[in-house]
Amino acid sequence: MAFTLTMIAAVVLLKYDVAPGWRLLLFFPFFIASNALFMGLYRSCGGMAFQGLRQTDDGVEKIANPELRAETWRMGKRVILSGLCTAAVATALVALIPTS
């Protein structure tokens, strides 16, 4: 849903010939959408991983095992970095599209 709304906003900005600098603001919704995508793909939340927490059926719990906590932290970092990179590329593509 977030990606669809961001793409609609990108099309509107392009249709009304908005300057490329203003199109860079699409980075934030692109990040939200791509971060949600990678959280689903990797089944890990970056924010919770950085706090040493995980979501279970019984709710949020602290990760006691140091090895599991380190692996979860690495997965959380992967989710955040993947979201940032995807948002940066998508934003750059929209900003670089020439308008008439």
N, C-alpha and C. Protein backbone atom coordinates (compact mmCIF):
# COMPACT_ATOMS: atom_id res chain seq x y z
N MET A 1 0.82 -1.18 0.00
CA MET A 1 0.00 0.00 0.00
C MET A 1 0.87 1.26 0.00
N ALA A 2 1.92 1.26 0.83
CA ALA A 2 2.79 2.44 0.91
C ALA A 2 3.50 2.66 -0.42
N PHE A 3 3.93 1.58 -1.06
CA PHE A 3 4.63 1.72 -2.34
C PHE A 3 3.68 2.25 -3.41
N THR A 4 2.46 1.77 -3.41
CA THR A 4 1.47 2.25 -4.38
C THR A 4 1.21 3.74 -4.21
N LEU A 5 1.04 4.18 -2.98
CA LEU A 5 0.81 5.61 -2.73
C LEU A 5 2.02 6.45 -3.12
N THR A 6 3.21 5.92 -2.89
CA THR A 6 4.42 6.65 -3.26
C THR A 6 4.53 6.75 -4.78
N MET A 7 4.20 5.69 -5.48
CA MET A 7 4.25 5.73 -6.94
C MET A 7 3.21 6.69 -7.50
N ILE A 8 2.03 6.75 -6.89
CA ILE A 8 1.01 7.71 -7.31
C ILE A 8 1.54 9.13 -7.10
N ALA A 9 2.17 9.38 -5.96
CA ALA A 9 2.75 10.69 -5.70
C ALA A 9 3.83 11.02 -6.72
N ALA A 10 4.64 10.05 -7.09
CA ALA A 10 5.71 10.27 -8.08
C ALA A 10 5.10 10.64 -9.42
N VAL A 11 4.06 9.94 -9.84
CA VAL A 11 3.41 10.23 -11.12
C VAL A 11 2.82 11.63 -11.10
N VAL A 12 2.18 11.99 -10.00
CA VAL A 12 1.60 13.35 -9.88
C VAL A 12 2.69 14.41 -9.96
N LEU A 13 3.80 14.20 -9.26
CA LEU A 13 4.90 15.17 -9.30
C LEU A 13 5.47 15.29 -10.70
N LEU A 14 5.57 14.18 -11.40
CA LEU A 14 6.08 14.22 -12.77
C LEU A 14 5.08 14.87 -13.72
N LYS A 15 3.81 14.58 -13.55
CA LYS A 15 2.77 15.14 -14.41
C LYS A 15 2.73 16.66 -14.30
N TYR A 16 2.91 17.18 -13.10
CA TYR A 16 2.85 18.63 -12.90
C TYR A 16 4.23 19.28 -12.99
N ASP A 17 5.20 18.55 -13.53
CA ASP A 17 6.53 19.08 -13.83
C ASP A 17 7.20 19.72 -12.60
N VAL A 18 7.10 19.04 -11.47
CA VAL A 18 7.72 19.52 -10.23
C VAL A 18 9.24 19.36 -10.35
N ALA A 19 9.98 20.33 -9.84
CA ALA A 19 11.44 20.33 -9.94
C ALA A 19 12.03 19.06 -9.30
N PRO A 20 13.14 18.56 -9.87
CA PRO A 20 13.76 17.33 -9.34
C PRO A 20 14.12 17.43 -7.86
N GLY A 21 14.50 18.59 -7.38
CA GLY A 21 14.83 18.74 -5.96
C GLY A 21 13.67 18.39 -5.05
N TRP A 22 12.46 18.80 -5.44
CA TRP A 22 11.28 18.47 -4.65
C TRP A 22 10.94 17.00 -4.74
N ARG A 23 11.28 16.37 -5.86
CA ARG A 23 11.01 14.94 -6.01
C ARG A 23 11.88 14.10 -5.07
N LEU A 24 12.97 14.70 -4.60
CA LEU A 24 13.83 13.97 -3.65
C LEU A 24 13.12 13.68 -2.33
N LEU A 25 12.07 14.44 -2.05
CA LEU A 25 11.30 14.19 -0.82
C LEU A 25 10.61 12.82 -0.85
N LEU A 26 10.52 12.22 -2.03
CA LEU A 26 9.92 10.89 -2.13
C LEU A 26 10.79 9.82 -1.46
N PHE A 27 12.02 10.19 -1.08
CA PHE A 27 12.88 9.22 -0.41
C PHE A 27 12.20 8.66 0.83
N PHE A 28 11.56 9.50 1.63
CA PHE A 28 10.98 9.05 2.89
C PHE A 28 9.84 8.04 2.68
N PRO A 29 8.86 8.32 1.82
CA PRO A 29 7.85 7.27 1.61
C PRO A 29 8.41 6.03 0.91
N PHE A 30 9.40 6.23 0.01
CA PHE A 30 10.03 5.05 -0.60
C PHE A 30 10.73 4.21 0.47
N PHE A 31 11.37 4.86 1.44
CA PHE A 31 12.04 4.11 2.51
C PHE A 31 11.02 3.34 3.35
N ILE A 32 9.93 3.98 3.70
CA ILE A 32 8.90 3.30 4.50
C ILE A 32 8.39 2.07 3.76
N ALA A 33 8.12 2.23 2.46
CA ALA A 33 7.60 1.11 1.67
C ALA A 33 8.63 0.00 1.52
N SER A 34 9.87 0.36 1.19
CA SER A 34 10.88 -0.67 0.97
C SER A 34 11.29 -1.34 2.28
N ASN A 35 11.31 -0.57 3.37
CA ASN A 35 11.63 -1.16 4.66
C ASN A 35 10.56 -2.19 5.06
N ALA A 36 9.30 -1.85 4.82
CA ALA A 36 8.22 -2.80 5.12
C ALA A 36 8.35 -4.06 4.26
N LEU A 37 8.73 -3.87 3.00
CA LEU A 37 8.93 -5.01 2.11
C LEU A 37 10.03 -5.93 2.64
N PHE A 38 11.17 -5.35 3.01
CA PHE A 38 12.28 -6.18 3.47
C PHE A 38 12.02 -6.76 4.86
N MET A 39 11.24 -6.09 5.69
CA MET A 39 10.87 -6.69 6.98
C MET A 39 10.05 -7.96 6.74
N GLY A 40 9.17 -7.92 5.75
CA GLY A 40 8.39 -9.11 5.43
C GLY A 40 9.23 -10.21 4.81
N LEU A 41 10.14 -9.83 3.92
CA LEU A 41 10.98 -10.83 3.27
C LEU A 41 11.93 -11.51 4.24
N TYR A 42 12.56 -10.71 5.10
CA TYR A 42 13.54 -11.26 6.04
C TYR A 42 12.91 -11.66 7.37
N ARG A 43 11.64 -11.35 7.55
CA ARG A 43 10.91 -11.65 8.78
C ARG A 43 11.66 -11.13 10.01
N SER A 44 12.09 -9.87 9.89
CA SER A 44 12.86 -9.26 10.97
C SER A 44 12.62 -7.75 10.94
N CYS A 45 12.49 -7.15 12.12
CA CYS A 45 12.32 -5.71 12.24
C CYS A 45 13.65 -5.11 12.71
N GLY A 46 14.17 -4.18 11.92
CA GLY A 46 15.46 -3.57 12.25
C GLY A 46 15.47 -2.89 13.61
N GLY A 47 14.42 -2.14 13.91
CA GLY A 47 14.36 -1.43 15.19
C GLY A 47 14.36 -2.36 16.38
N MET A 48 13.57 -3.41 16.30
CA MET A 48 13.54 -4.38 17.39
C MET A 48 14.85 -5.14 17.50
N ALA A 49 15.43 -5.47 16.36
CA ALA A 49 16.70 -6.21 16.36
C ALA A 49 17.80 -5.40 17.02
N PHE A 50 17.83 -4.10 16.76
CA PHE A 50 18.86 -3.24 17.36
C PHE A 50 18.69 -3.11 18.87
N GLN A 51 17.48 -3.35 19.35
CA GLN A 51 17.22 -3.31 20.80
C GLN A 51 17.38 -4.67 21.46
N GLY A 52 17.68 -5.70 20.66
CA GLY A 52 17.83 -7.05 21.21
C GLY A 52 16.50 -7.70 21.53
N LEU A 53 15.47 -7.33 20.77
CA LEU A 53 14.13 -7.86 21.00
C LEU A 53 13.67 -8.64 19.79
N ARG A 54 12.65 -9.49 19.99
CA ARG A 54 12.03 -10.18 18.88
C ARG A 54 10.54 -10.33 19.17
N GLN A 55 9.76 -10.43 18.09
CA GLN A 55 8.32 -10.59 18.19
C GLN A 55 7.98 -12.06 18.11
N THR A 56 7.23 -12.55 19.07
CA THR A 56 6.76 -13.94 19.06
C THR A 56 5.24 -13.93 19.12
N ASP A 57 4.65 -15.11 19.09
CA ASP A 57 3.19 -15.20 19.20
C ASP A 57 2.71 -14.69 20.56
N ASP A 58 3.57 -14.75 21.57
CA ASP A 58 3.20 -14.31 22.91
C ASP A 58 3.51 -12.83 23.14
N GLY A 59 4.07 -12.15 22.14
CA GLY A 59 4.40 -10.74 22.28
C GLY A 59 5.90 -10.51 22.09
N VAL A 60 6.36 -9.36 22.54
CA VAL A 60 7.77 -8.99 22.40
C VAL A 60 8.56 -9.59 23.55
N GLU A 61 9.72 -10.15 23.23
CA GLU A 61 10.57 -10.70 24.29
C GLU A 61 12.03 -10.33 24.03
N LYS A 62 12.77 -10.22 25.10
CA LYS A 62 14.21 -9.94 25.04
C LYS A 62 14.93 -11.21 24.60
N ILE A 63 15.92 -11.05 23.72
CA ILE A 63 16.71 -12.20 23.26
C ILE A 63 17.84 -12.42 24.25
N ALA A 64 17.80 -13.55 24.93
CA ALA A 64 18.78 -13.84 25.98
C ALA A 64 20.07 -14.44 25.41
N ASN A 65 19.97 -15.25 24.38
CA ASN A 65 21.12 -15.93 23.79
C ASN A 65 21.98 -14.90 23.03
N PRO A 66 23.24 -14.71 23.42
CA PRO A 66 24.08 -13.71 22.75
C PRO A 66 24.33 -14.00 21.27
N GLU A 67 24.43 -15.27 20.91
CA GLU A 67 24.65 -15.60 19.49
C GLU A 67 23.42 -15.28 18.66
N LEU A 68 22.25 -15.62 19.19
CA LEU A 68 21.01 -15.32 18.49
C LEU A 68 20.78 -13.80 18.42
N ARG A 69 21.15 -13.09 19.49
CA ARG A 69 21.01 -11.64 19.50
C ARG A 69 21.92 -11.01 18.44
N ALA A 70 23.14 -11.53 18.29
CA ALA A 70 24.06 -11.01 17.27
C ALA A 70 23.54 -11.30 15.87
N GLU A 71 23.01 -12.49 15.65
CA GLU A 71 22.45 -12.83 14.34
C GLU A 71 21.23 -11.96 14.02
N THR A 72 20.39 -11.74 15.02
CA THR A 72 19.22 -10.89 14.84
C THR A 72 19.64 -9.45 14.54
N TRP A 73 20.68 -8.97 15.20
CA TRP A 73 21.19 -7.62 14.95
C TRP A 73 21.69 -7.51 13.51
N ARG A 74 22.42 -8.52 13.04
CA ARG A 74 22.90 -8.50 11.66
C ARG A 74 21.74 -8.50 10.66
N MET A 75 20.72 -9.29 10.95
CA MET A 75 19.55 -9.33 10.07
C MET A 75 18.82 -7.99 10.09
N GLY A 76 18.72 -7.37 11.24
CA GLY A 76 18.09 -6.05 11.34
C GLY A 76 18.86 -5.01 10.54
N LYS A 77 20.19 -5.10 10.60
CA LYS A 77 21.03 -4.17 9.83
C LYS A 77 20.81 -4.40 8.34
N ARG A 78 20.68 -5.64 7.94
CA ARG A 78 20.44 -5.96 6.53
C ARG A 78 19.10 -5.38 6.06
N VAL A 79 18.07 -5.49 6.91
CA VAL A 79 16.75 -4.95 6.57
C VAL A 79 16.83 -3.44 6.38
N ILE A 80 17.43 -2.73 7.32
CA ILE A 80 17.52 -1.28 7.25
C ILE A 80 18.35 -0.84 6.04
N LEU A 81 19.51 -1.44 5.84
CA LEU A 81 20.37 -1.05 4.72
C LEU A 81 19.72 -1.37 3.37
N SER A 82 19.03 -2.49 3.29
CA SER A 82 18.33 -2.83 2.05
C SER A 82 17.24 -1.80 1.75
N GLY A 83 16.52 -1.41 2.79
CA GLY A 83 15.49 -0.39 2.61
C GLY A 83 16.07 0.95 2.20
N LEU A 84 17.18 1.33 2.81
CA LEU A 84 17.82 2.60 2.46
C LEU A 84 18.32 2.59 1.01
N CYS A 85 18.96 1.51 0.62
CA CYS A 85 19.50 1.43 -0.75
C CYS A 85 18.37 1.43 -1.78
N THR A 86 17.33 0.67 -1.53
CA THR A 86 16.21 0.61 -2.46
C THR A 86 15.54 1.98 -2.57
N ALA A 87 15.34 2.64 -1.44
CA ALA A 87 14.72 3.97 -1.46
C ALA A 87 15.60 4.98 -2.19
N ALA A 88 16.91 4.89 -2.00
CA ALA A 88 17.82 5.82 -2.68
C ALA A 88 17.77 5.62 -4.19
N VAL A 89 17.79 4.38 -4.64
CA VAL A 89 17.74 4.11 -6.09
C VAL A 89 16.40 4.55 -6.67
N ALA A 90 15.30 4.21 -6.02
CA ALA A 90 13.98 4.61 -6.52
C ALA A 90 13.85 6.12 -6.58
N THR A 91 14.32 6.81 -5.55
CA THR A 91 14.25 8.27 -5.52
C THR A 91 15.11 8.88 -6.62
N ALA A 92 16.30 8.35 -6.81
CA ALA A 92 17.18 8.87 -7.85
C ALA A 92 16.55 8.67 -9.23
N LEU A 93 15.94 7.53 -9.46
CA LEU A 93 15.29 7.29 -10.75
C LEU A 93 14.16 8.28 -11.00
N VAL A 94 13.34 8.51 -9.98
CA VAL A 94 12.23 9.47 -10.14
C VAL A 94 12.78 10.88 -10.31
N ALA A 95 13.81 11.24 -9.59
CA ALA A 95 14.37 12.59 -9.68
C ALA A 95 15.04 12.83 -11.03
N LEU A 96 15.57 11.79 -11.64
CA LEU A 96 16.29 11.95 -12.90
C LEU A 96 15.41 11.85 -14.15
N ILE A 97 14.15 11.49 -13.97
CA ILE A 97 13.25 11.41 -15.14
C ILE A 97 13.03 12.82 -15.66
N PRO A 98 13.36 13.03 -16.94
CA PRO A 98 13.16 14.38 -17.48
C PRO A 98 11.68 14.68 -17.69
N THR A 99 11.31 15.91 -17.46
CA THR A 99 9.94 16.34 -17.73
C THR A 99 9.97 17.41 -18.79
N SER A 100 8.86 17.58 -19.45
CA SER A 100 8.85 18.55 -20.55
C SER A 100 8.48 19.94 -20.12
